Protein backbone atom coordinates (compact mmCIF):
# COMPACT_ATOMS: atom_id res chain seq x y z
CA MET A 1 0.03 0.04 0.01
CA ASP A 2 1.37 3.51 -0.88
CA LEU A 3 1.97 5.65 2.13
CA ALA A 4 1.80 9.37 1.53
CA VAL A 5 3.77 11.77 3.62
CA LYS A 6 2.11 15.01 4.95
CA TRP A 7 4.09 17.74 6.63
CA MET A 8 2.39 20.27 8.95
CA ASP A 9 3.86 22.76 11.26
CA THR A 10 2.40 24.78 14.15
CA ASP A 11 3.51 26.62 17.20
CA PHE A 12 1.86 24.36 19.84
CA LEU A 13 1.00 20.73 19.13
CA ILE A 14 -1.50 19.04 21.44
CA VAL A 15 -1.63 15.32 21.37
CA GLY A 16 -5.04 14.20 22.56
CA GLY A 17 -8.33 16.02 22.40
CA GLY A 18 -9.77 14.97 25.79
CA ALA A 19 -10.42 17.23 28.81
CA ALA A 20 -6.85 18.35 29.36
CA GLY A 21 -6.09 18.79 25.62
CA CYS A 22 -9.28 20.81 24.74
CA TYR A 23 -8.87 23.01 27.79
CA ALA A 24 -5.14 23.63 27.03
CA ALA A 25 -6.13 24.76 23.46
CA LEU A 26 -8.59 27.26 24.86
CA THR A 27 -6.06 28.64 27.35
CA PHE A 28 -3.32 28.94 24.82
CA CYS A 29 -5.51 31.04 22.52
CA LYS A 30 -6.19 33.38 25.46
CA HIS A 31 -2.48 34.07 26.09
CA THR A 32 -1.02 34.22 22.60
CA LYS A 33 -1.88 34.52 18.99
CA GLY A 34 0.15 31.51 18.11
CA ARG A 35 -1.19 28.53 16.10
CA VAL A 36 -2.43 25.32 17.66
CA LEU A 37 -2.68 21.94 16.05
CA LEU A 38 -4.80 19.50 18.05
CA ALA A 39 -4.26 15.78 16.93
CA GLU A 40 -6.94 13.35 18.22
CA LYS A 41 -7.17 9.60 17.43
CA ALA A 42 -10.98 9.68 17.42
CA ASN A 43 -13.02 12.89 17.10
CA ILE A 44 -13.02 15.48 19.77
CA GLN A 45 -16.74 15.74 19.80
CA ARG A 46 -16.87 12.56 21.82
CA SER A 47 -13.49 11.39 22.81
CA GLY A 48 -11.55 10.72 25.95
CA CYS A 49 -12.93 10.01 29.52
CA LEU A 50 -15.63 12.70 29.02
CA ALA A 51 -17.11 11.04 25.87
CA ALA A 52 -20.24 9.72 27.55
CA GLY A 53 -20.51 12.65 29.96
CA VAL A 54 -20.47 12.78 33.73
CA ASN A 55 -23.02 13.82 36.32
CA ALA A 56 -20.62 15.44 38.89
CA LEU A 57 -17.43 17.22 39.07
CA ASN A 58 -15.39 15.29 41.70
CA ALA A 59 -12.67 17.92 42.31
CA TYR A 60 -14.10 21.25 43.63
CA ILE A 61 -13.22 23.49 46.54
CA THR A 62 -16.62 23.65 48.34
CA ALA A 63 -17.71 26.33 50.83
CA GLY A 64 -15.57 26.30 53.89
CA LYS A 65 -12.71 24.29 52.35
CA THR A 66 -9.36 25.45 50.94
CA PRO A 67 -6.93 24.17 48.28
CA GLN A 68 -4.71 22.99 51.09
CA ASP A 69 -7.60 20.80 52.38
CA TYR A 70 -7.65 19.15 48.92
CA VAL A 71 -3.89 18.69 48.96
CA ASP A 72 -4.15 16.97 52.39
CA TYR A 73 -6.95 14.68 51.28
CA ALA A 74 -5.03 13.56 48.16
CA ARG A 75 -1.80 13.09 50.20
CA GLN A 76 -3.66 10.89 52.77
CA ASP A 77 -5.38 8.85 49.98
CA ALA A 78 -2.00 8.21 48.27
CA GLU A 79 -0.15 7.33 51.62
CA GLY A 80 2.09 10.36 51.18
CA ILE A 81 3.47 9.61 47.69
CA VAL A 82 2.38 12.83 45.97
CA ARG A 83 3.95 16.03 44.58
CA GLY A 84 2.84 18.73 46.90
CA ASP A 85 3.71 21.53 44.36
CA LEU A 86 1.58 19.88 41.60
CA LEU A 87 -1.33 19.13 43.84
CA ARG A 88 -1.43 22.71 45.26
CA THR A 89 -1.25 24.44 41.80
CA MET A 90 -3.90 22.08 40.48
CA ALA A 91 -6.25 22.61 43.51
CA GLU A 92 -5.90 26.44 43.15
CA GLY A 93 -7.23 26.23 39.62
CA LEU A 94 -10.19 23.95 40.17
CA ASN A 95 -12.98 26.39 40.73
CA ARG A 96 -11.67 28.75 38.04
CA THR A 97 -12.09 26.02 35.44
CA VAL A 98 -15.61 25.25 36.66
CA SER A 99 -16.59 28.91 36.21
CA THR A 100 -15.15 28.71 32.57
CA LEU A 101 -17.13 25.51 31.78
CA GLU A 102 -20.36 27.18 33.17
CA SER A 103 -19.78 30.15 30.86
CA LEU A 104 -19.45 27.66 27.87
CA GLY A 105 -22.97 26.39 28.80
CA LEU A 106 -22.42 23.50 31.29
CA THR A 107 -25.45 23.14 33.52
CA ILE A 108 -24.38 23.14 37.23
CA LEU A 109 -27.14 22.29 39.75
CA LYS A 110 -27.89 25.02 42.18
CA ASP A 111 -30.02 25.38 45.32
CA ARG A 112 -32.60 28.05 45.92
CA ASN A 113 -29.88 30.43 47.00
CA GLY A 114 -28.03 30.07 43.76
CA LYS A 115 -25.25 28.01 45.44
CA TYR A 116 -23.85 25.00 43.66
CA VAL A 117 -25.40 21.69 44.96
CA ALA A 118 -22.52 19.73 46.63
CA ARG A 119 -22.31 15.97 46.70
CA GLY A 120 -20.03 15.11 49.55
CA THR A 121 -17.28 17.58 50.55
CA ARG A 122 -15.38 17.97 47.28
CA ASN A 123 -17.96 17.30 44.57
CA ILE A 124 -20.73 19.39 42.84
CA LYS A 125 -23.60 18.07 40.70
CA ILE A 126 -23.89 18.85 37.08
CA ASN A 127 -25.91 17.88 33.99
CA GLY A 128 -22.90 16.69 32.11
CA GLU A 129 -23.98 14.58 29.31
CA ASN A 130 -22.96 17.39 26.82
CA ILE A 131 -19.76 18.41 28.50
CA LYS A 132 -17.55 17.12 25.68
CA PRO A 133 -19.49 18.61 22.77
CA LEU A 134 -19.53 21.94 24.61
CA LEU A 135 -15.68 21.81 24.89
CA ALA A 136 -15.29 20.68 21.27
CA ARG A 137 -17.52 23.51 19.98
CA ALA A 138 -15.51 26.13 22.01
CA VAL A 139 -12.23 24.69 20.53
CA ALA A 140 -13.62 24.67 16.98
CA ALA A 141 -14.66 28.36 17.32
CA GLN A 142 -10.97 29.41 17.92
CA THR A 143 -9.52 30.55 14.56
CA GLN A 144 -6.03 29.81 15.75
CA VAL A 145 -6.77 26.04 16.28
CA THR A 146 -6.75 23.36 13.63
CA VAL A 147 -8.22 20.11 14.74
CA LEU A 148 -6.86 16.95 13.13
CA ASN A 149 -9.29 14.17 13.91
CA GLU A 150 -8.63 10.52 13.30
CA VAL A 151 -4.96 10.80 13.35
CA ASN A 152 -2.97 8.51 15.74
CA VAL A 153 0.30 10.06 17.07
CA PHE A 154 2.93 7.31 17.77
CA ASP A 155 6.33 8.91 18.33
CA TYR A 156 7.93 12.29 19.11
CA ILE A 157 10.39 14.19 16.95
CA VAL A 158 13.38 14.50 19.34
CA LYS A 159 16.68 16.28 18.67
CA ASP A 160 19.36 16.78 21.38
CA GLY A 161 16.90 16.00 24.24
CA ARG A 162 14.28 18.54 22.97
CA VAL A 163 10.93 17.59 21.48
CA TRP A 164 10.08 19.40 18.17
CA GLY A 165 6.87 17.72 17.18
CA ALA A 166 5.57 14.20 16.64
CA TYR A 167 4.95 11.50 13.93
CA ALA A 168 1.41 10.26 13.29
CA VAL A 169 -0.59 7.99 11.02
CA GLY A 170 -4.06 8.28 9.68
CA VAL A 171 -6.59 6.04 11.19
CA LYS A 172 -8.54 5.63 7.94
CA GLU A 173 -6.09 6.91 5.29
CA PRO A 174 -2.59 5.56 4.61
CA VAL A 175 -0.75 8.82 5.43
CA LEU A 176 2.36 9.42 7.65
CA TYR A 177 2.05 12.86 9.30
CA VAL A 178 5.22 14.78 10.27
CA LEU A 179 3.88 17.34 12.76
CA SER A 180 6.59 19.91 13.67
CA ALA A 181 6.05 22.37 16.63
CA LYS A 182 7.83 24.77 18.95
CA ALA A 183 6.10 23.18 21.96
CA VAL A 184 4.18 19.92 22.38
CA LEU A 185 1.61 18.92 24.93
CA CYS A 186 0.98 15.24 25.71
CA ALA A 187 -2.60 14.82 26.81
CA THR A 188 -3.42 11.38 25.64
CA GLY A 189 -4.96 9.97 28.80
CA GLY A 190 -3.95 6.87 30.77
CA ALA A 191 -3.79 3.19 29.93
CA SER A 192 -6.37 0.46 29.95
CA GLY A 193 -6.16 -3.08 28.68
CA LEU A 194 -2.89 -3.99 30.14
CA TYR A 195 -4.45 -6.66 32.43
CA ARG A 196 -7.11 -9.26 31.64
CA PRO A 197 -10.33 -7.56 32.36
CA ASN A 198 -13.30 -8.80 34.40
CA HIS A 199 -15.21 -9.26 31.26
CA PRO A 200 -12.90 -11.18 28.74
CA GLY A 201 -13.68 -12.39 25.16
CA PHE A 202 -16.29 -10.53 23.14
CA SER A 203 -16.94 -8.05 26.04
CA ARG A 204 -13.31 -7.42 26.84
CA HIS A 205 -13.63 -3.73 25.89
CA LYS A 206 -16.37 -3.27 28.60
CA MET A 207 -14.23 -1.85 31.25
CA TRP A 208 -14.00 1.00 33.73
CA TYR A 209 -11.71 3.19 31.74
CA PRO A 210 -11.99 4.06 27.97
CA PRO A 211 -10.52 1.10 26.00
CA PHE A 212 -9.17 3.53 23.37
CA ASN A 213 -6.76 4.93 25.98
CA THR A 214 -3.84 2.36 25.35
CA GLY A 215 -0.95 4.14 27.13
CA ALA A 216 0.46 5.79 23.98
CA GLY A 217 1.42 8.88 25.82
CA TYR A 218 3.37 6.91 28.47
CA ALA A 219 4.98 4.63 25.81
CA MET A 220 6.13 7.54 23.60
CA GLY A 221 7.66 9.22 26.65
CA ILE A 222 9.50 6.01 27.77
CA ARG A 223 10.88 5.37 24.27
CA ALA A 224 12.00 9.02 23.98
CA GLY A 225 13.89 8.89 27.36
CA ALA A 226 11.48 10.95 29.45
CA GLU A 227 11.57 10.30 33.14
CA MET A 228 8.37 8.68 34.42
CA THR A 229 7.18 8.39 38.00
CA THR A 230 5.19 6.13 40.27
CA LEU A 231 3.92 3.68 37.58
CA GLU A 232 3.81 1.07 40.44
CA MET A 233 0.81 2.91 41.89
CA ARG A 234 -1.84 1.26 39.82
CA PHE A 235 -5.47 2.17 40.09
CA ILE A 236 -8.25 -0.36 40.75
CA ALA A 237 -11.70 0.83 40.94
CA LEU A 238 -14.34 -0.50 43.18
CA ARG A 239 -17.43 -0.95 41.03
CA VAL A 240 -20.83 -2.39 40.79
CA LYS A 241 -20.42 -6.15 39.91
CA ASP A 242 -21.00 -6.97 36.19
CA THR A 243 -22.20 -3.52 35.13
CA ILE A 244 -19.05 -1.79 36.19
CA ALA A 245 -21.14 1.22 37.26
CA PRO A 246 -19.43 3.59 39.70
CA THR A 247 -20.06 3.27 43.48
CA GLY A 248 -19.34 6.77 44.70
CA THR A 249 -22.95 7.89 44.06
CA LEU A 250 -24.15 5.03 46.28
CA ALA A 251 -21.65 5.64 49.06
CA GLN A 252 -21.84 9.36 48.99
CA GLY A 253 -25.34 9.90 47.69
CA VAL A 254 -27.14 7.70 50.19
CA GLY A 255 -24.33 6.86 52.62
CA ALA A 256 -24.22 3.16 51.62
CA LYS A 257 -21.73 1.21 53.64
CA GLN A 258 -19.62 -1.67 52.49
CA ILE A 259 -21.00 -4.86 54.15
CA ASN A 260 -20.08 -8.63 53.89
CA ALA A 261 -22.45 -11.54 53.40
CA LEU A 262 -22.97 -11.58 57.20
CA GLY A 263 -24.34 -8.01 56.98
CA GLU A 264 -21.19 -6.65 58.93
CA VAL A 265 -19.93 -3.30 58.01
CA TYR A 266 -16.20 -3.99 57.21
CA GLU A 267 -14.92 -0.76 55.59
CA GLN A 268 -13.78 0.73 58.90
CA HIS A 269 -11.66 -2.30 59.66
CA TYR A 270 -9.45 -1.88 56.56
CA GLY A 271 -9.58 1.88 56.06
CA LEU A 272 -11.33 4.31 53.77
CA THR A 273 -8.79 5.24 51.15
CA THR A 274 -9.61 4.14 47.61
CA SER A 275 -6.96 1.24 47.74
CA GLN A 276 -8.09 0.09 51.31
CA ARG A 277 -11.65 -0.19 50.14
CA VAL A 278 -10.67 -2.46 47.41
CA TYR A 279 -8.33 -4.35 49.71
CA GLY A 280 -11.09 -4.81 52.28
CA THR A 281 -13.47 -6.39 49.72
CA VAL A 282 -10.76 -8.80 48.51
CA GLN A 283 -9.99 -9.81 52.06
CA GLU A 284 -13.60 -10.48 52.94
CA ASN A 285 -14.04 -12.61 49.87
CA LEU A 286 -10.86 -14.59 50.67
CA ALA A 287 -12.09 -15.14 54.22
CA GLY A 288 -15.28 -16.63 52.89
CA ARG A 289 -17.49 -13.75 53.91
CA GLY A 290 -18.48 -12.72 50.46
CA PRO A 291 -20.19 -11.59 48.26
CA CYS A 292 -19.67 -7.99 49.39
CA CYS A 293 -22.18 -5.26 48.86
CA LEU A 294 -23.02 -1.63 49.38
CA ARG A 295 -26.01 -1.57 51.83
CA THR A 296 -28.84 0.05 50.10
CA GLU A 297 -31.78 -1.97 51.27
CA GLY A 298 -34.15 0.28 53.38
CA ILE A 299 -33.41 3.64 51.67
CA SER A 300 -36.35 5.86 51.04
CA ALA A 301 -38.55 5.61 47.89
CA GLN A 302 -37.36 9.04 46.90
CA GLN A 303 -33.63 8.02 47.35
CA ASP A 304 -34.38 4.94 45.27
CA LEU A 305 -35.74 6.96 42.46
CA ASP A 306 -32.95 9.52 42.63
CA LEU A 307 -30.37 6.76 42.24
CA GLN A 308 -32.20 5.27 39.25
CA LYS A 309 -32.19 8.70 37.60
CA ALA A 310 -28.53 9.33 38.45
CA TYR A 311 -27.37 6.09 37.00
CA LEU A 312 -29.67 6.47 33.86
CA ASN A 313 -27.38 9.54 33.26
CA MET A 314 -23.95 8.09 33.80
CA ALA A 315 -24.30 4.28 33.68
CA PRO A 316 -27.71 3.41 32.08
CA GLY A 317 -27.03 -0.28 32.00
CA GLN A 318 -27.25 -0.25 35.78
CA THR A 319 -30.65 1.34 35.87
CA LEU A 320 -31.92 -1.00 33.12
CA ARG A 321 -30.77 -3.96 35.20
CA TRP A 322 -32.54 -2.68 38.27
CA LEU A 323 -35.81 -2.19 36.29
CA GLU A 324 -35.50 -5.44 34.39
CA SER A 325 -35.07 -7.46 37.68
CA GLY A 326 -37.46 -5.50 39.66
CA GLN A 327 -34.79 -5.33 42.40
CA THR A 328 -34.07 -1.65 42.79
CA PRO A 329 -31.47 -0.61 45.27
CA ARG A 330 -34.06 -0.14 48.12
CA LEU A 331 -34.99 -3.76 47.83
CA ARG A 332 -31.65 -5.36 47.22
CA ASN A 333 -28.13 -4.40 48.21
CA VAL A 334 -25.66 -3.73 45.47
CA GLU A 335 -22.93 -6.23 44.95
CA ILE A 336 -19.39 -4.76 44.35
CA GLU A 337 -16.05 -5.98 43.13
CA GLY A 338 -12.68 -4.58 42.05
CA THR A 339 -11.74 -3.98 38.49
CA GLU A 340 -8.55 -5.03 36.74
CA PRO A 341 -5.61 -2.64 37.31
CA TYR A 342 -5.14 0.54 35.17
CA ILE A 343 -2.32 3.13 34.90
CA VAL A 344 -4.12 6.50 35.23
CA GLY A 345 -2.53 9.64 36.59
CA GLY A 346 -5.85 11.41 37.21
CA HIS A 347 -6.71 9.02 40.03
CA THR A 348 -3.17 7.97 41.16
CA ALA A 349 0.32 9.52 40.84
CA SER A 350 1.49 7.63 37.71
CA GLY A 351 2.96 9.39 34.65
CA TYR A 352 5.44 11.80 33.36
CA TRP A 353 7.78 13.38 35.84
CA VAL A 354 7.05 17.16 35.36
CA ASP A 355 8.17 20.41 36.90
CA THR A 356 5.66 22.80 38.48
CA ASP A 357 4.83 24.17 35.06
CA ARG A 358 4.12 20.63 33.84
CA GLN A 359 7.09 20.49 31.49
CA THR A 360 8.61 16.97 31.30
CA THR A 361 12.29 16.10 31.40
CA LEU A 362 12.38 16.47 27.65
CA ARG A 363 12.43 20.17 26.86
CA GLY A 364 9.58 21.43 24.76
CA LEU A 365 7.32 18.54 25.93
CA PHE A 366 4.50 19.25 28.51
CA ALA A 367 2.15 16.79 30.04
CA ALA A 368 -1.36 17.21 31.53
CA GLY A 369 -4.26 15.23 32.77
CA ASP A 370 -4.21 11.41 33.26
CA VAL A 371 -0.75 11.11 31.61
CA ALA A 372 0.98 13.47 34.04
CA GLY A 373 2.26 12.05 37.31
CA GLY A 374 2.65 13.17 40.83
CA CYS A 375 -0.77 14.68 41.10
CA PRO A 376 -3.61 12.17 41.92
CA GLN A 377 -7.32 12.85 42.48
CA LYS A 378 -7.30 15.39 39.68
CA TYR A 379 -10.45 14.10 37.86
CA VAL A 380 -12.01 16.22 35.31
CA THR A 381 -11.52 19.69 36.76
CA GLY A 382 -7.91 18.82 37.74
CA ALA A 383 -7.30 17.75 34.09
CA PHE A 384 -8.62 21.23 33.08
CA ALA A 385 -6.46 22.93 35.55
CA GLU A 386 -3.26 21.09 34.31
CA GLY A 387 -4.27 21.88 30.76
CA GLU A 388 -4.46 25.60 31.75
CA ILE A 389 -1.01 25.49 33.58
CA SER A 390 0.82 23.66 30.90
CA ALA A 391 -0.63 25.88 28.07
CA LYS A 392 0.35 29.07 29.80
CA ALA A 393 3.85 27.83 30.22
CA ALA A 394 4.02 26.46 26.58
CA ALA A 395 2.79 29.96 25.31
CA ALA A 396 5.76 31.59 27.29
CA SER A 397 8.30 29.18 25.80
CA LEU A 398 7.86 29.83 22.03
CA THR A 399 11.20 31.65 21.74
CA GLU A 400 13.42 29.13 20.03
CA PRO A 401 13.47 28.90 16.15
CA GLN A 402 11.65 25.79 15.07
CA VAL A 403 13.72 22.67 14.22
CA LEU A 404 12.49 20.28 11.48
CA PRO A 405 13.37 16.54 11.65
CA ASP A 406 16.13 15.20 9.40
CA ALA A 407 14.95 13.85 6.07
CA GLN A 408 16.62 10.39 6.86
CA GLU A 409 14.67 10.16 10.04
CA VAL A 410 11.38 10.81 8.29
CA GLN A 411 12.18 8.24 5.53
CA ALA A 412 13.09 5.72 8.23
CA LYS A 413 9.61 6.24 9.87
CA LYS A 414 7.92 5.97 6.57
CA ASP A 415 9.70 2.72 5.72
CA TRP A 416 8.77 1.28 9.03
CA ILE A 417 5.13 2.04 8.88
CA ALA A 418 5.02 0.89 5.23
CA SER A 419 6.57 -2.37 6.28
CA LEU A 420 3.56 -3.10 8.52
CA PHE A 421 1.19 -3.17 5.53
CA ASP A 422 0.88 -6.66 4.04
CA SER A 423 -2.44 -7.96 2.98
CA ARG A 424 -1.22 -11.50 2.99
CA GLY A 425 -1.42 -11.55 6.70
CA ALA A 426 1.10 -12.42 9.38
CA SER A 427 2.51 -15.09 11.66
CA ALA A 428 0.56 -13.71 14.61
CA GLU A 429 -2.62 -11.77 15.13
CA THR A 430 -2.76 -8.43 17.12
CA ASP A 431 -5.78 -9.68 19.18
CA ALA A 432 -4.16 -12.95 20.07
CA LEU A 433 -1.04 -11.11 21.31
CA GLU A 434 -3.04 -8.66 23.24
CA GLU A 435 -4.92 -11.40 25.13
CA ALA A 436 -1.70 -13.18 25.77
CA MET A 437 -0.24 -9.99 27.24
CA GLN A 438 -3.27 -9.48 29.56
CA ALA A 439 -2.98 -13.13 30.63
CA VAL A 440 0.69 -12.69 31.65
CA MET A 441 -0.01 -9.42 33.49
CA ASP A 442 -3.05 -11.09 35.25
CA GLU A 443 -1.18 -14.14 36.31
CA TYR A 444 2.24 -12.81 37.14
CA ALA A 445 2.12 -9.05 37.64
CA GLY A 446 -0.78 -8.76 40.14
CA GLY A 447 -4.12 -8.97 38.32
CA ILE A 448 -7.51 -10.18 39.41
CA GLN A 449 -6.52 -13.87 39.41
CA THR A 450 -4.05 -13.38 42.11
CA GLN A 451 -6.09 -10.92 44.07
CA TYR A 452 -3.67 -8.16 42.86
CA ARG A 453 -0.61 -9.79 44.51
CA PHE A 454 2.78 -10.31 43.08
CA SER A 455 6.28 -11.41 44.07
CA GLU A 456 9.80 -10.83 42.96
CA ALA A 457 9.71 -14.23 41.21
CA SER A 458 6.39 -13.64 39.49
CA LEU A 459 7.38 -10.26 38.26
CA GLN A 460 10.58 -11.79 36.75
CA THR A 461 8.45 -14.26 34.90
CA ALA A 462 6.13 -11.40 33.75
CA ASP A 463 9.02 -9.39 32.44
CA LYS A 464 10.48 -12.31 30.54
CA ARG A 465 7.19 -13.25 28.96
CA ILE A 466 6.26 -9.64 27.93
CA GLY A 467 9.68 -9.40 26.36
CA GLU A 468 8.96 -12.53 24.28
CA LEU A 469 5.63 -11.03 23.20
CA GLN A 470 7.50 -7.90 22.11
CA GLN A 471 9.64 -10.12 19.83
CA ARG A 472 6.61 -11.87 18.43
CA ALA A 473 4.82 -8.41 17.83
CA LYS A 474 7.53 -7.58 15.38
CA GLY A 475 6.02 -9.95 12.85
CA LEU A 476 2.60 -8.28 12.92
CA LYS A 477 1.16 -7.12 9.67
CA ALA A 478 -1.86 -5.11 8.67
CA ALA A 479 -4.03 -4.79 5.54
CA GLU A 480 -5.65 -1.50 6.45
CA PRO A 481 -4.62 1.77 8.21
CA GLN A 482 -6.85 0.96 11.26
CA GLU A 483 -5.00 -2.31 11.68
CA VAL A 484 -1.79 -0.49 11.74
CA VAL A 485 -3.12 1.61 14.56
CA TYR A 486 -4.02 -1.56 16.41
CA ILE A 487 -0.52 -2.81 16.02
CA LEU A 488 0.89 0.47 17.36
CA GLU A 489 -1.44 0.34 20.30
CA LEU A 490 -0.34 -3.13 21.17
CA LEU A 491 3.34 -2.11 20.91
CA ASP A 492 2.63 0.84 23.31
CA ARG A 493 0.99 -1.42 25.78
CA LEU A 494 3.84 -3.91 25.75
CA THR A 495 6.25 -1.00 26.33
CA LEU A 496 4.26 0.20 29.24
CA CYS A 497 3.77 -3.26 30.77
CA ARG A 498 7.54 -3.72 31.07
CA ALA A 499 7.88 -0.30 32.68
CA VAL A 500 5.15 -1.14 35.13
CA ILE A 501 6.79 -4.32 36.16
CA ALA A 502 10.02 -2.63 36.65
CA HIS A 503 8.39 -0.07 39.00
CA LEU A 504 6.55 -2.78 40.85
CA ARG A 505 9.88 -4.63 41.42
CA ALA A 506 11.68 -1.41 42.47
CA ARG A 507 9.42 -0.30 45.38
CA ARG A 508 10.23 -2.93 47.94
CA GLU A 509 7.33 -2.45 50.28
CA THR A 510 3.53 -2.52 50.27
CA ARG A 511 2.69 1.20 50.24
CA TRP A 512 -0.80 0.66 48.92
CA HIS A 513 -2.80 -2.45 49.46
CA SER A 514 -4.18 -4.05 46.22
CA PHE A 515 -2.69 -1.08 44.11
CA ALA A 516 0.74 -2.62 44.77
CA GLU A 517 0.62 -5.85 46.93
CA TYR A 518 4.13 -7.06 47.10
CA THR A 519 4.11 -10.43 48.94
CA ASP A 520 7.92 -10.34 49.55
CA TYR A 521 7.52 -6.98 51.33
CA PRO A 522 4.01 -6.98 52.78
CA GLN A 523 4.47 -3.94 55.10
CA GLN A 524 4.76 -0.22 54.52
CA ASP A 525 8.32 1.03 55.11
CA PRO A 526 9.21 4.69 55.93
CA ALA A 527 12.49 4.16 54.08
CA TRP A 528 10.45 4.21 50.85
CA ASP A 529 8.97 7.68 51.45
CA LEU A 530 10.28 8.67 48.05
CA TYR A 531 9.37 8.65 44.35
CA VAL A 532 10.26 5.66 42.28
CA ASN A 533 11.11 7.08 38.83
CA SER A 534 12.56 5.56 35.58
CA ARG A 535 13.99 6.58 32.30
CA MET A 536 15.03 4.64 29.29
CA LYS A 537 18.71 4.87 28.33
CA ASN A 538 20.24 3.01 25.48
CA GLY A 539 17.30 0.63 25.36
CA LYS A 540 17.47 -0.10 29.12
CA LEU A 541 15.15 1.18 31.80
CA GLU A 542 17.02 2.77 34.62
CA MET A 543 15.38 3.47 38.07
CA VAL A 544 15.80 6.79 39.73
CA PHE A 545 14.87 7.55 43.30
CA ARG A 546 13.94 11.10 44.33
CA PRO A 547 12.95 12.79 47.61
CA LEU A 548 9.46 14.08 48.29
CA VAL A 549 8.53 17.58 47.03
CA LYS A 550 6.22 19.71 49.26
CA GLU A 551 3.65 22.23 48.19
CA GLN A 552 5.69 25.22 49.23
CA ASP A 553 8.37 24.13 46.78
CA ARG A 554 8.71 25.12 43.13
CA TYR A 555 10.27 22.16 41.41
CA GLU A 556 12.40 22.67 38.33
CA HIS A 557 14.33 20.13 36.26
CA PHE A 558 18.01 20.23 35.79
CA HIS A 559 18.55 19.16 32.28
């Protein structure tokens, strides 16, 4: 198949048109007249974690609370392994971004006094089914912005440790894009599909996090030599069994407690952080006191109806299930379970190691949202805030003359992508290798099968087998551009898997139950009050250990 080459240049390249990427584009246009090129694998109208909409903003400084309160909450939930400077600057921007979204047309529920309706101590209620189209329309209205939909970015253009753009391929057309830029923002989101999901086979893409987020942003950074942090802090969500519907609305909306099959409330026994809630459920099941549920039996008829409406908005399958069975939450407790592990910096601290301005260790490359590390519990509004911070810093950095990639490098990329096209098929299939990868991670790197536990020996096995799959993946071939994207996604996931395994091995303690349950080191150890970082050098992943950064600090890289 003939592969065309298309060159495009801009001032600010944004990779990923989700929450952080769209908000960064809007912010950049406010602060400079420079050009923006936004590259999105899908279509920014409905892409990223906001594609289906949300019914609450989970990061907001409510009345009587301060940004420091939010920092303290996130630090406690992450057992101390956070970047205070990143959390503080993110928290200070939360309410400002909410005001911006409201000005774009987002409906935020208010009480009779005109105050936002809070759900819990850090959340506000919205009608957010249209939040992504609102953002997309605002971005499209900016004359400085060019949106490139259905284009998959797969590698950075790097010269002398600085990023000058990225390479991409068309999802539907056989085109290699050479996108050069003075500054680049990675906003690709986190990674799903590394581990065998709760719902394998035909339903394997029915998961907690978008299946289209394949860890490309992490993998591109790893290959380019960017420093990454805290990949060992995986995220495992506690969800409604089978439907994977969120549980926060049950816990916060009607105060539902976690109970075992004996009706005993067990959540206080294990702790109330996110990882402890998952861990408690696992332990109760192992002790033979499962299944575990959220206790909703006996709630009022109005609460019952409110829950059905709330889930019809954000997880309609759950409401339909209640109605089909006739067993609404006031009549039957809601069974819960943990998901497979994910790498997602919007909930944990996994991702790029960035300075306070969100610039990575590769000059010219910024990161925001789920792909940026050190700043957990950012959710939607935190991703907006990081998009704002990074875009302002990028706008101020456009001083160096643009550098284009070498012609030989472009030709090498073209030859490699072209070599993936072969209509005669290949010795292995992408889907088969993806399932093999998920099986390895599940069995040997702390998946559902082992109740999220792993050991030094099992991680060694996982690394060896993922390495073997990387070798087999070199033989993959594609007949269409979309199949090339599938191959690139698998290669990204395999790269990230090996980095996650290396991080799990490096932190020799159990800092977070279930998130990183290291059976050789089952206790938390104060000696590991530090960041576990890594960077690729000459094809090898090197571990780097750094001291904690507090919120009063301003962290800068020393390149």
